[in-house]
Amino acid sequence: MPAIKYKVTLSDDEIQNLERLIRKGKSASRSHTRARILLKAAAGFQD
C-alpha cells in the first residue's frame, strides 16, 4: 500500500519562524527536527 503524500505549503512568515526556531537553538531537539522536516517538505524534498 503506497504511503499518503501530503503537499506542504508554508507562507513566508511561517518559513521565517521555522528558520528562526532552528537558528536559535534553545528549543527541544524534537522541535528542531520537525521544523527541518516541514521546511524540506515545503521545498519539495521527499523522504
Protein backbone atom coordinates (compact mmCIF):
# COMPACT_ATOMS: atom_id res chain seq x y z
CA MET A 1 0.00 0.00 0.00
CA PRO A 2 1.59 3.32 -1.04
CA ALA A 3 2.14 5.97 1.58
CA ILE A 4 -0.06 9.04 1.52
CA LYS A 5 1.82 12.08 0.23
CA TYR A 6 0.88 15.49 1.51
CA LYS A 7 1.65 18.77 -0.20
CA VAL A 8 3.11 21.22 2.31
CA THR A 9 2.79 24.92 1.60
CA LEU A 10 4.15 27.50 4.00
CA SER A 11 3.81 31.25 3.94
CA ASP A 12 6.94 33.41 4.03
CA ASP A 13 6.16 34.29 7.64
CA GLU A 14 5.89 30.61 8.62
CA ILE A 15 9.19 29.82 6.89
CA GLN A 16 10.93 32.66 8.73
CA ASN A 17 9.54 31.47 12.07
CA LEU A 18 10.74 27.90 11.47
CA GLU A 19 14.19 29.07 10.36
CA ARG A 20 14.43 31.30 13.43
CA LEU A 21 13.48 28.37 15.68
CA ILE A 22 16.26 26.25 14.14
CA ARG A 23 18.87 29.02 14.31
CA LYS A 24 18.06 30.00 17.89
CA GLY A 25 18.94 26.55 19.20
CA LYS A 26 17.17 26.89 22.55
CA SER A 27 14.17 24.66 21.89
CA ALA A 28 13.87 20.90 22.18
CA SER A 29 15.59 18.65 19.65
CA ARG A 30 12.24 17.23 18.57
CA SER A 31 11.04 20.74 17.63
CA HIS A 32 14.19 21.31 15.56
CA THR A 33 13.67 18.03 13.72
CA ARG A 34 10.03 18.78 12.97
CA ALA A 35 10.91 22.28 11.76
CA ARG A 36 13.58 20.88 9.41
CA ILE A 37 11.11 18.29 8.08
CA LEU A 38 8.50 20.96 7.37
CA LEU A 39 11.00 23.21 5.60
CA LYS A 40 12.28 20.36 3.42
CA ALA A 41 8.75 19.17 2.62
CA ALA A 42 7.77 22.70 1.59
CA ALA A 43 10.87 22.85 -0.64
CA GLY A 44 9.78 19.65 -2.43
CA PHE A 45 12.06 17.03 -0.86
CA GLN A 46 10.69 13.51 -0.48
CA ASP A 47 11.83 11.01 2.15
